[in-house]
Amino acid sequence: MAKPRLQGQAALITGAGSGIGAATAHIFCQEGASVFLVDADAQGLERTRQALLLDMPEAQVRCLEADVTDRERALQAVADCVAAFAGLDILVNNAAMRNYSPAAEATSAEWQAMVGVNLVGITHYCHAALPHLRQSGHGSIVNVSSCYAVKGRKGMALYDATKAAQLALTRSLACEEAVHGVRVNAVCPGSTLTDFHVGRAQKIGKSVEQLKTERQDTSLLGRWASPKEIAWPILWLASSEASFITGTSLLVDGGLHSM
């Protein structure tokens, strides 16, 4: 039987209360990692924790409710993770917020809020985690961006601009941290059927089955991704199987970028 790919490693995952973050936590635990979960949604964190322990009673799971815009909470999250698991090997920056204002109409406050979560929030966790990732000897950061960081559309300018900035940050961090043995990569998901999308649909009386028919033109594969289909590439980039990969943005979008 193959050794679990993250055996003995500790991972901190932001935005772990649902969707891609929760799926990543599940797969990381399956692969032997101890996981420290961060989310601003305390109820979502508890649901993720309970689901993990129900499926894997032996899983090592810790949680902290925190808004990623709070630098002090980022420092606390990393300190708590290191105290619980005696180190930190992997950081997954997945927390994000959305905005649907056209670029020409967005207010300064909207821009600042988006940048605060989607970009500055990442820097808080990188700042807190990097000293420990350097000590790990095989530290890895995976930033969860978006396929729309590289492909235009209307109606999501603030979100897409901050996601594009994440790719620039990924490349810069990779250049800076290579000397310390820390790899930094990004995944760019396409349309992913998360709790967020399901919840929005249900609020307007739309069923999940109806929702599933609406993304046939946003990938070559003609469907939504499941959160696990994004979590598996995150696992790969975080693991030693990707040990010669850094500064890379991996498009996990069902071929949308080719359309």
C-alpha atoms as a PDB file:
ATOM      1  CA  MET A   1       0.000   0.000   0.000  1.00  0.00           C
ATOM      2  CA  ALA A   2       1.385   3.392  -0.989  1.00  0.00           C
ATOM      3  CA  LYS A   3       2.388   5.778   1.781  1.00  0.00           C
ATOM      4  CA  PRO A   4      -0.064   8.686   2.167  1.00  0.00           C
ATOM      5  CA  ARG A   5       1.309  11.661   0.261  1.00  0.00           C
ATOM      6  CA  LEU A   6       1.146  14.095   3.179  1.00  0.00           C
ATOM      7  CA  GLN A   7       1.994  11.700   5.982  1.00  0.00           C
ATOM      8  CA  GLY A   8       3.284  13.564   9.018  1.00  0.00           C
ATOM      9  CA  GLN A   9       2.767  17.025   7.523  1.00  0.00           C
ATOM     10  CA  ALA A  10       0.743  19.942   8.863  1.00  0.00           C
ATOM     11  CA  ALA A  11      -1.400  22.147   6.631  1.00  0.00           C
ATOM     12  CA  LEU A  12      -3.240  25.397   7.243  1.00  0.00           C
ATOM     13  CA  ILE A  13      -6.214  26.037   4.950  1.00  0.00           C
ATOM     14  CA  THR A  14      -8.145  29.314   4.818  1.00  0.00           C
ATOM     15  CA  GLY A  15     -11.734  29.424   3.616  1.00  0.00           C
ATOM     16  CA  ALA A  16     -12.123  25.880   4.914  1.00  0.00           C
ATOM     17  CA  GLY A  17     -15.719  26.193   6.068  1.00  0.00           C
ATOM     18  CA  SER A  18     -17.183  24.999   2.762  1.00  0.00           C
ATOM     19  CA  GLY A  19     -16.560  24.351  -0.921  1.00  0.00           C
ATOM     20  CA  ILE A  20     -13.025  23.940  -2.218  1.00  0.00           C
ATOM     21  CA  GLY A  21     -11.483  24.588   1.192  1.00  0.00           C
ATOM     22  CA  ALA A  22     -13.534  21.891   2.893  1.00  0.00           C
ATOM     23  CA  ALA A  23     -12.847  19.426   0.067  1.00  0.00           C
ATOM     24  CA  THR A  24      -9.129  20.158   0.315  1.00  0.00           C
ATOM     25  CA  ALA A  25      -9.178  19.542   4.058  1.00  0.00           C
ATOM     26  CA  HIS A  26     -10.888  16.190   3.486  1.00  0.00           C
ATOM     27  CA  ILE A  27      -8.366  15.016   0.889  1.00  0.00           C
ATOM     28  CA  PHE A  28      -5.413  16.277   2.922  1.00  0.00           C
ATOM     29  CA  CYS A  29      -6.608  14.272   5.932  1.00  0.00           C
ATOM     30  CA  GLN A  30      -7.065  11.214   3.756  1.00  0.00           C
ATOM     31  CA  GLU A  31      -3.456  11.648   2.678  1.00  0.00           C
ATOM     32  CA  GLY A  32      -2.151  11.778   6.241  1.00  0.00           C
ATOM     33  CA  ALA A  33      -1.946  15.495   6.991  1.00  0.00           C
ATOM     34  CA  SER A  34      -2.935  17.248  10.183  1.00  0.00           C
ATOM     35  CA  VAL A  35      -5.098  20.214   9.235  1.00  0.00           C
ATOM     36  CA  PHE A  36      -5.691  23.616  10.770  1.00  0.00           C
ATOM     37  CA  LEU A  37      -8.837  25.172   9.357  1.00  0.00           C
ATOM     38  CA  VAL A  38      -9.581  28.904   9.200  1.00  0.00           C
ATOM     39  CA  ASP A  39     -12.807  30.592   8.133  1.00  0.00           C
ATOM     40  CA  ALA A  40     -14.843  33.639   9.093  1.00  0.00           C
ATOM     41  CA  ASP A  41     -17.917  31.375   9.269  1.00  0.00           C
ATOM     42  CA  ALA A  42     -17.832  29.559  12.603  1.00  0.00           C
ATOM     43  CA  GLN A  43     -20.768  27.312  11.687  1.00  0.00           C
ATOM     44  CA  GLY A  44     -19.128  26.341   8.419  1.00  0.00           C
ATOM     45  CA  LEU A  45     -15.910  25.473  10.236  1.00  0.00           C
ATOM     46  CA  GLU A  46     -17.794  23.262  12.664  1.00  0.00           C
ATOM     47  CA  ARG A  47     -19.583  21.477   9.818  1.00  0.00           C
ATOM     48  CA  THR A  48     -16.257  20.790   8.122  1.00  0.00           C
ATOM     49  CA  ARG A  49     -14.684  19.589  11.361  1.00  0.00           C
ATOM     50  CA  GLN A  50     -17.563  17.266  12.163  1.00  0.00           C
ATOM     51  CA  ALA A  51     -17.626  15.857   8.619  1.00  0.00           C
ATOM     52  CA  LEU A  52     -13.899  15.128   8.761  1.00  0.00           C
ATOM     53  CA  LEU A  53     -14.092  13.375  12.120  1.00  0.00           C
ATOM     54  CA  LEU A  54     -17.188  11.426  11.126  1.00  0.00           C
ATOM     55  CA  ASP A  55     -15.364  10.041   8.092  1.00  0.00           C
ATOM     56  CA  MET A  56     -11.917   9.796   9.739  1.00  0.00           C
ATOM     57  CA  PRO A  57     -12.194   9.662  13.551  1.00  0.00           C
ATOM     58  CA  GLU A  58      -8.401   9.608  13.840  1.00  0.00           C
ATOM     59  CA  ALA A  59      -7.941  12.828  11.859  1.00  0.00           C
ATOM     60  CA  GLN A  60      -5.984  15.619  13.523  1.00  0.00           C
ATOM     61  CA  VAL A  61      -8.124  18.745  13.058  1.00  0.00           C
ATOM     62  CA  ARG A  62      -8.004  22.172  14.677  1.00  0.00           C
ATOM     63  CA  CYS A  63     -10.069  25.259  13.808  1.00  0.00           C
ATOM     64  CA  LEU A  64     -10.001  29.014  14.290  1.00  0.00           C
ATOM     65  CA  GLU A  65     -12.710  31.467  13.331  1.00  0.00           C
ATOM     66  CA  ALA A  66     -10.946  34.369  11.651  1.00  0.00           C
ATOM     67  CA  ASP A  67     -11.372  36.989   8.965  1.00  0.00           C
ATOM     68  CA  VAL A  68      -8.295  36.846   6.735  1.00  0.00           C
ATOM     69  CA  THR A  69      -8.112  40.647   6.693  1.00  0.00           C
ATOM     70  CA  ASP A  70      -7.089  40.536  10.366  1.00  0.00           C
ATOM     71  CA  ARG A  71      -3.291  40.270  10.496  1.00  0.00           C
ATOM     72  CA  GLU A  72      -3.221  39.480  14.215  1.00  0.00           C
ATOM     73  CA  ARG A  73      -5.622  36.560  13.737  1.00  0.00           C
ATOM     74  CA  ALA A  74      -3.370  35.246  10.975  1.00  0.00           C
ATOM     75  CA  LEU A  75      -0.427  35.283  13.373  1.00  0.00           C
ATOM     76  CA  GLN A  76      -2.564  33.548  15.984  1.00  0.00           C
ATOM     77  CA  ALA A  77      -3.761  30.906  13.512  1.00  0.00           C
ATOM     78  CA  VAL A  78      -0.224  30.007  12.522  1.00  0.00           C
ATOM     79  CA  ALA A  79       0.990  30.029  16.131  1.00  0.00           C
ATOM     80  CA  ASP A  80      -1.893  27.764  17.178  1.00  0.00           C
ATOM     81  CA  CYS A  81      -1.209  25.433  14.249  1.00  0.00           C
ATOM     82  CA  VAL A  82       2.481  25.147  15.091  1.00  0.00           C
ATOM     83  CA  ALA A  83       1.675  24.566  18.761  1.00  0.00           C
ATOM     84  CA  ALA A  84      -0.837  21.837  17.920  1.00  0.00           C
ATOM     85  CA  PHE A  85       1.139  20.035  15.233  1.00  0.00           C
ATOM     86  CA  ALA A  86       4.767  20.955  15.991  1.00  0.00           C
ATOM     87  CA  GLY A  87       5.265  22.743  12.692  1.00  0.00           C
ATOM     88  CA  LEU A  88       3.724  23.891   9.439  1.00  0.00           C
ATOM     89  CA  ASP A  89       4.483  22.438   6.010  1.00  0.00           C
ATOM     90  CA  ILE A  90       1.652  23.608   3.726  1.00  0.00           C
ATOM     91  CA  LEU A  91      -0.369  26.788   3.405  1.00  0.00           C
ATOM     92  CA  VAL A  92      -3.462  26.860   1.193  1.00  0.00           C
ATOM     93  CA  ASN A  93      -4.814  30.378   0.662  1.00  0.00           C
ATOM     94  CA  ASN A  94      -8.387  29.690  -0.408  1.00  0.00           C
ATOM     95  CA  ALA A  95     -10.500  32.325   1.383  1.00  0.00           C
ATOM     96  CA  ALA A  96     -12.145  34.774  -1.017  1.00  0.00           C
ATOM     97  CA  MET A  97     -15.020  37.195  -1.456  1.00  0.00           C
ATOM     98  CA  ARG A  98     -17.033  38.133  -4.520  1.00  0.00           C
ATOM     99  CA  ASN A  99     -18.439  41.349  -5.942  1.00  0.00           C
ATOM    100  CA  TYR A 100     -20.728  41.848  -8.927  1.00  0.00           C
ATOM    101  CA  SER A 101     -20.362  45.592  -9.539  1.00  0.00           C
ATOM    102  CA  PRO A 102     -19.240  46.723 -13.023  1.00  0.00           C
ATOM    103  CA  ALA A 103     -15.763  48.245 -12.924  1.00  0.00           C
ATOM    104  CA  ALA A 104     -17.059  51.687 -13.916  1.00  0.00           C
ATOM    105  CA  GLU A 105     -19.560  51.736 -11.043  1.00  0.00           C
ATOM    106  CA  ALA A 106     -17.628  50.095  -8.205  1.00  0.00           C
ATOM    107  CA  THR A 107     -16.983  52.287  -5.184  1.00  0.00           C
ATOM    108  CA  SER A 108     -13.669  52.778  -3.460  1.00  0.00           C
ATOM    109  CA  ALA A 109     -15.015  50.855  -0.467  1.00  0.00           C
ATOM    110  CA  GLU A 110     -15.896  47.887  -2.698  1.00  0.00           C
ATOM    111  CA  TRP A 111     -12.418  47.833  -4.195  1.00  0.00           C
ATOM    112  CA  GLN A 112     -10.780  48.084  -0.789  1.00  0.00           C
ATOM    113  CA  ALA A 113     -12.900  45.244   0.594  1.00  0.00           C
ATOM    114  CA  MET A 114     -12.032  42.971  -2.331  1.00  0.00           C
ATOM    115  CA  VAL A 115      -8.333  43.736  -2.177  1.00  0.00           C
ATOM    116  CA  GLY A 116      -8.413  43.303   1.599  1.00  0.00           C
ATOM    117  CA  VAL A 117      -9.697  39.733   1.411  1.00  0.00           C
ATOM    118  CA  ASN A 118      -8.465  38.437  -1.937  1.00  0.00           C
ATOM    119  CA  LEU A 119      -4.965  39.897  -1.889  1.00  0.00           C
ATOM    120  CA  VAL A 120      -3.913  41.449   1.419  1.00  0.00           C
ATOM    121  CA  GLY A 121      -5.477  38.514   3.273  1.00  0.00           C
ATOM    122  CA  ILE A 122      -3.104  36.173   1.464  1.00  0.00           C
ATOM    123  CA  THR A 123      -0.122  38.302   2.412  1.00  0.00           C
ATOM    124  CA  HIS A 124      -1.135  38.137   6.094  1.00  0.00           C
ATOM    125  CA  TYR A 125      -1.036  34.341   6.064  1.00  0.00           C
ATOM    126  CA  CYS A 126       2.150  34.180   4.013  1.00  0.00           C
ATOM    127  CA  HIS A 127       3.830  36.617   6.421  1.00  0.00           C
ATOM    128  CA  ALA A 128       2.788  34.529   9.412  1.00  0.00           C
ATOM    129  CA  ALA A 129       3.505  31.135   7.859  1.00  0.00           C
ATOM    130  CA  LEU A 130       6.754  31.639   5.953  1.00  0.00           C
ATOM    131  CA  PRO A 131       9.165  31.390   8.897  1.00  0.00           C
ATOM    132  CA  HIS A 132       7.738  27.948   9.664  1.00  0.00           C
ATOM    133  CA  LEU A 133       7.455  26.864   6.030  1.00  0.00           C
ATOM    134  CA  ARG A 134      11.154  27.682   5.610  1.00  0.00           C
ATOM    135  CA  GLN A 135      11.998  25.496   8.598  1.00  0.00           C
ATOM    136  CA  SER A 136       9.963  22.632   7.177  1.00  0.00           C
ATOM    137  CA  GLY A 137      12.496  21.814   4.466  1.00  0.00           C
ATOM    138  CA  HIS A 138       9.703  21.162   1.980  1.00  0.00           C
ATOM    139  CA  GLY A 139       7.325  24.053   2.544  1.00  0.00           C
ATOM    140  CA  SER A 140       4.613  24.680  -0.018  1.00  0.00           C
ATOM    141  CA  ILE A 141       2.086  27.450  -0.610  1.00  0.00           C
ATOM    142  CA  VAL A 142      -0.892  26.957  -2.919  1.00  0.00           C
ATOM    143  CA  ASN A 143      -2.990  30.014  -3.736  1.00  0.00           C
ATOM    144  CA  VAL A 144      -6.490  29.398  -5.049  1.00  0.00           C
ATOM    145  CA  SER A 145      -7.034  31.944  -7.831  1.00  0.00           C
ATOM    146  CA  SER A 146      -9.485  31.656 -10.749  1.00  0.00           C
ATOM    147  CA  CYS A 147      -9.480  30.831 -14.445  1.00  0.00           C
ATOM    148  CA  TYR A 148     -10.890  34.324 -14.899  1.00  0.00           C
ATOM    149  CA  ALA A 149      -7.563  35.702 -13.746  1.00  0.00           C
ATOM    150  CA  VAL A 150      -6.432  34.941 -17.290  1.00  0.00           C
ATOM    151  CA  LYS A 151      -9.717  35.110 -19.230  1.00  0.00           C
ATOM    152  CA  GLY A 152     -11.958  38.173 -19.435  1.00  0.00           C
ATOM    153  CA  ARG A 153     -15.672  38.459 -18.763  1.00  0.00           C
ATOM    154  CA  LYS A 154     -18.083  41.179 -17.758  1.00  0.00           C
ATOM    155  CA  GLY A 155     -19.682  41.767 -14.393  1.00  0.00           C
ATOM    156  CA  MET A 156     -16.884  40.449 -12.161  1.00  0.00           C
ATOM    157  CA  ALA A 157     -14.104  42.991 -12.673  1.00  0.00           C
ATOM    158  CA  LEU A 158     -13.216  43.414  -9.004  1.00  0.00           C
ATOM    159  CA  TYR A 159     -13.063  39.691  -8.313  1.00  0.00           C
ATOM    160  CA  ASP A 160     -11.145  38.879 -11.483  1.00  0.00           C
ATOM    161  CA  ALA A 161      -8.641  41.703 -11.009  1.00  0.00           C
ATOM    162  CA  THR A 162      -7.781  40.568  -7.491  1.00  0.00           C
ATOM    163  CA  LYS A 163      -7.519  36.973  -8.677  1.00  0.00           C
ATOM    164  CA  ALA A 164      -5.092  38.075 -11.400  1.00  0.00           C
ATOM    165  CA  ALA A 165      -3.069  39.904  -8.759  1.00  0.00           C
ATOM    166  CA  GLN A 166      -2.821  36.624  -6.846  1.00  0.00           C
ATOM    167  CA  LEU A 167      -0.979  35.103  -9.809  1.00  0.00           C
ATOM    168  CA  ALA A 168       1.550  37.948  -9.828  1.00  0.00           C
ATOM    169  CA  LEU A 169       2.022  37.522  -6.085  1.00  0.00           C
ATOM    170  CA  THR A 170       2.490  33.777  -6.583  1.00  0.00           C
ATOM    171  CA  ARG A 171       5.292  34.343  -9.093  1.00  0.00           C
ATOM    172  CA  SER A 172       7.016  36.965  -6.946  1.00  0.00           C
ATOM    173  CA  LEU A 173       6.853  34.815  -3.822  1.00  0.00           C
ATOM    174  CA  ALA A 174       8.198  31.842  -5.757  1.00  0.00           C
ATOM    175  CA  CYS A 175      11.214  33.923  -6.803  1.00  0.00           C
ATOM    176  CA  GLU A 176      11.810  35.163  -3.275  1.00  0.00           C
ATOM    177  CA  GLU A 177      11.288  31.888  -1.436  1.00  0.00           C
ATOM    178  CA  ALA A 178      13.135  29.444  -3.706  1.00  0.00           C
ATOM    179  CA  VAL A 179      16.353  30.058  -1.784  1.00  0.00           C
ATOM    180  CA  HIS A 180      14.533  28.989   1.385  1.00  0.00           C
ATOM    181  CA  GLY A 181      13.176  25.797  -0.178  1.00  0.00           C
ATOM    182  CA  VAL A 182       9.552  26.972  -0.217  1.00  0.00           C
ATOM    183  CA  ARG A 183       7.546  26.366  -3.385  1.00  0.00           C
ATOM    184  CA  VAL A 184       4.682  28.715  -4.291  1.00  0.00           C
ATOM    185  CA  ASN A 185       2.044  27.839  -6.881  1.00  0.00           C
ATOM    186  CA  ALA A 186      -1.545  28.655  -7.776  1.00  0.00           C
ATOM    187  CA  VAL A 187      -4.546  26.770  -9.049  1.00  0.00           C
ATOM    188  CA  CYS A 188      -7.100  28.539 -11.244  1.00  0.00           C
ATOM    189  CA  PRO A 189     -10.477  26.820 -10.895  1.00  0.00           C
ATOM    190  CA  GLY A 190     -13.232  27.127 -13.440  1.00  0.00           C
ATOM    191  CA  SER A 191     -16.952  26.832 -12.670  1.00  0.00           C
ATOM    192  CA  THR A 192     -17.117  24.822  -9.452  1.00  0.00           C
ATOM    193  CA  LEU A 193     -20.386  23.699  -7.883  1.00  0.00           C
ATOM    194  CA  THR A 194     -19.807  24.880  -4.327  1.00  0.00           C
ATOM    195  CA  ASP A 195     -22.205  25.569  -1.480  1.00  0.00           C
ATOM    196  CA  PHE A 196     -21.985  29.252  -2.404  1.00  0.00           C
ATOM    197  CA  HIS A 197     -23.522  28.700  -5.839  1.00  0.00           C
ATOM    198  CA  VAL A 198     -26.092  26.239  -4.519  1.00  0.00           C
ATOM    199  CA  GLY A 199     -27.154  28.709  -1.844  1.00  0.00           C
ATOM    200  CA  ARG A 200     -27.515  31.568  -4.321  1.00  0.00           C
ATOM    201  CA  ALA A 201     -29.632  29.386  -6.602  1.00  0.00           C
ATOM    202  CA  GLN A 202     -31.897  28.200  -3.811  1.00  0.00           C
ATOM    203  CA  LYS A 203     -32.563  31.777  -2.707  1.00  0.00           C
ATOM    204  CA  ILE A 204     -34.217  32.451  -6.075  1.00  0.00           C
ATOM    205  CA  GLY A 205     -36.071  29.147  -6.161  1.00  0.00           C
ATOM    206  CA  LYS A 206     -33.710  27.306  -8.487  1.00  0.00           C
ATOM    207  CA  SER A 207     -33.035  23.610  -7.940  1.00  0.00           C
ATOM    208  CA  VAL A 208     -29.560  22.076  -7.910  1.00  0.00           C
ATOM    209  CA  GLU A 209     -30.477  19.981 -10.941  1.00  0.00           C
ATOM    210  CA  GLN A 210     -31.469  23.105 -12.844  1.00  0.00           C
ATOM    211  CA  LEU A 211     -28.277  24.822 -11.722  1.00  0.00           C
ATOM    212  CA  LYS A 212     -26.212  21.959 -13.096  1.00  0.00           C
ATOM    213  CA  THR A 213     -27.480  22.628 -16.615  1.00  0.00           C
ATOM    214  CA  GLU A 214     -26.285  26.229 -16.663  1.00  0.00           C
ATOM    215  CA  ARG A 215     -22.521  25.889 -17.194  1.00  0.00           C
ATOM    216  CA  GLN A 216     -22.451  23.825 -20.361  1.00  0.00           C
ATOM    217  CA  ASP A 217     -20.823  26.708 -22.253  1.00  0.00           C
ATOM    218  CA  THR A 218     -18.129  27.549 -19.671  1.00  0.00           C
ATOM    219  CA  SER A 219     -15.852  24.569 -20.270  1.00  0.00           C
ATOM    220  CA  LEU A 220     -14.929  22.207 -23.046  1.00  0.00           C
ATOM    221  CA  LEU A 221     -16.245  19.428 -20.803  1.00  0.00           C
ATOM    222  CA  GLY A 222     -19.648  21.111 -20.611  1.00  0.00           C
ATOM    223  CA  ARG A 223     -20.250  20.875 -16.882  1.00  0.00           C
ATOM    224  CA  TRP A 224     -19.372  22.178 -13.444  1.00  0.00           C
ATOM    225  CA  ALA A 225     -16.393  20.852 -11.513  1.00  0.00           C
ATOM    226  CA  SER A 226     -16.969  19.338  -8.111  1.00  0.00           C
ATOM    227  CA  PRO A 227     -14.953  20.860  -5.241  1.00  0.00           C
ATOM    228  CA  LYS A 228     -12.918  17.643  -5.037  1.00  0.00           C
ATOM    229  CA  GLU A 229     -11.864  18.053  -8.657  1.00  0.00           C
ATOM    230  CA  ILE A 230     -10.137  21.269  -7.597  1.00  0.00           C
ATOM    231  CA  ALA A 231      -8.831  19.832  -4.325  1.00  0.00           C
ATOM    232  CA  TRP A 232      -6.926  17.007  -6.039  1.00  0.00           C
ATOM    233  CA  PRO A 233      -4.684  19.411  -8.026  1.00  0.00           C
ATOM    234  CA  ILE A 234      -4.147  21.428  -4.830  1.00  0.00           C
ATOM    235  CA  LEU A 235      -2.995  18.229  -3.132  1.00  0.00           C
ATOM    236  CA  TRP A 236      -0.634  17.448  -5.986  1.00  0.00           C
ATOM    237  CA  LEU A 237       0.966  20.891  -5.976  1.00  0.00           C
ATOM    238  CA  ALA A 238       1.332  20.752  -2.195  1.00  0.00           C
ATOM    239  CA  SER A 239       2.931  17.311  -2.224  1.00  0.00           C
ATOM    240  CA  SER A 240       6.466  16.152  -3.023  1.00  0.00           C
ATOM    241  CA  GLU A 241       5.179  14.835  -6.353  1.00  0.00           C
ATOM    242  CA  ALA A 242       5.361  18.464  -7.528  1.00  0.00           C
ATOM    243  CA  SER A 243       8.774  19.078  -5.953  1.00  0.00           C
ATOM    244  CA  PHE A 244      10.222  20.679  -9.129  1.00  0.00           C
ATOM    245  CA  ILE A 245       7.249  22.983  -9.691  1.00  0.00           C
ATOM    246  CA  THR A 246       7.162  26.544  -8.388  1.00  0.00           C
ATOM    247  CA  GLY A 247       5.863  29.862  -9.687  1.00  0.00           C
ATOM    248  CA  THR A 248       3.271  28.017 -11.759  1.00  0.00           C
ATOM    249  CA  SER A 249      -0.426  28.714 -12.275  1.00  0.00           C
ATOM    250  CA  LEU A 250      -2.356  25.526 -13.029  1.00  0.00           C
ATOM    251  CA  LEU A 251      -5.619  26.030 -14.911  1.00  0.00           C
ATOM    252  CA  VAL A 252      -8.247  23.591 -13.605  1.00  0.00           C
ATOM    253  CA  ASP A 253     -11.102  24.894 -15.704  1.00  0.00           C
ATOM    254  CA  GLY A 254     -12.255  22.062 -17.952  1.00  0.00           C
ATOM    255  CA  GLY A 255     -10.596  23.799 -20.916  1.00  0.00           C
ATOM    256  CA  LEU A 256     -12.362  27.157 -20.608  1.00  0.00           C
ATOM    257  CA  HIS A 257      -9.125  29.034 -21.325  1.00  0.00           C
ATOM    258  CA  SER A 258      -8.990  27.331 -24.731  1.00  0.00           C
ATOM    259  CA  MET A 259     -12.493  28.356 -25.784  1.00  0.00           C
END
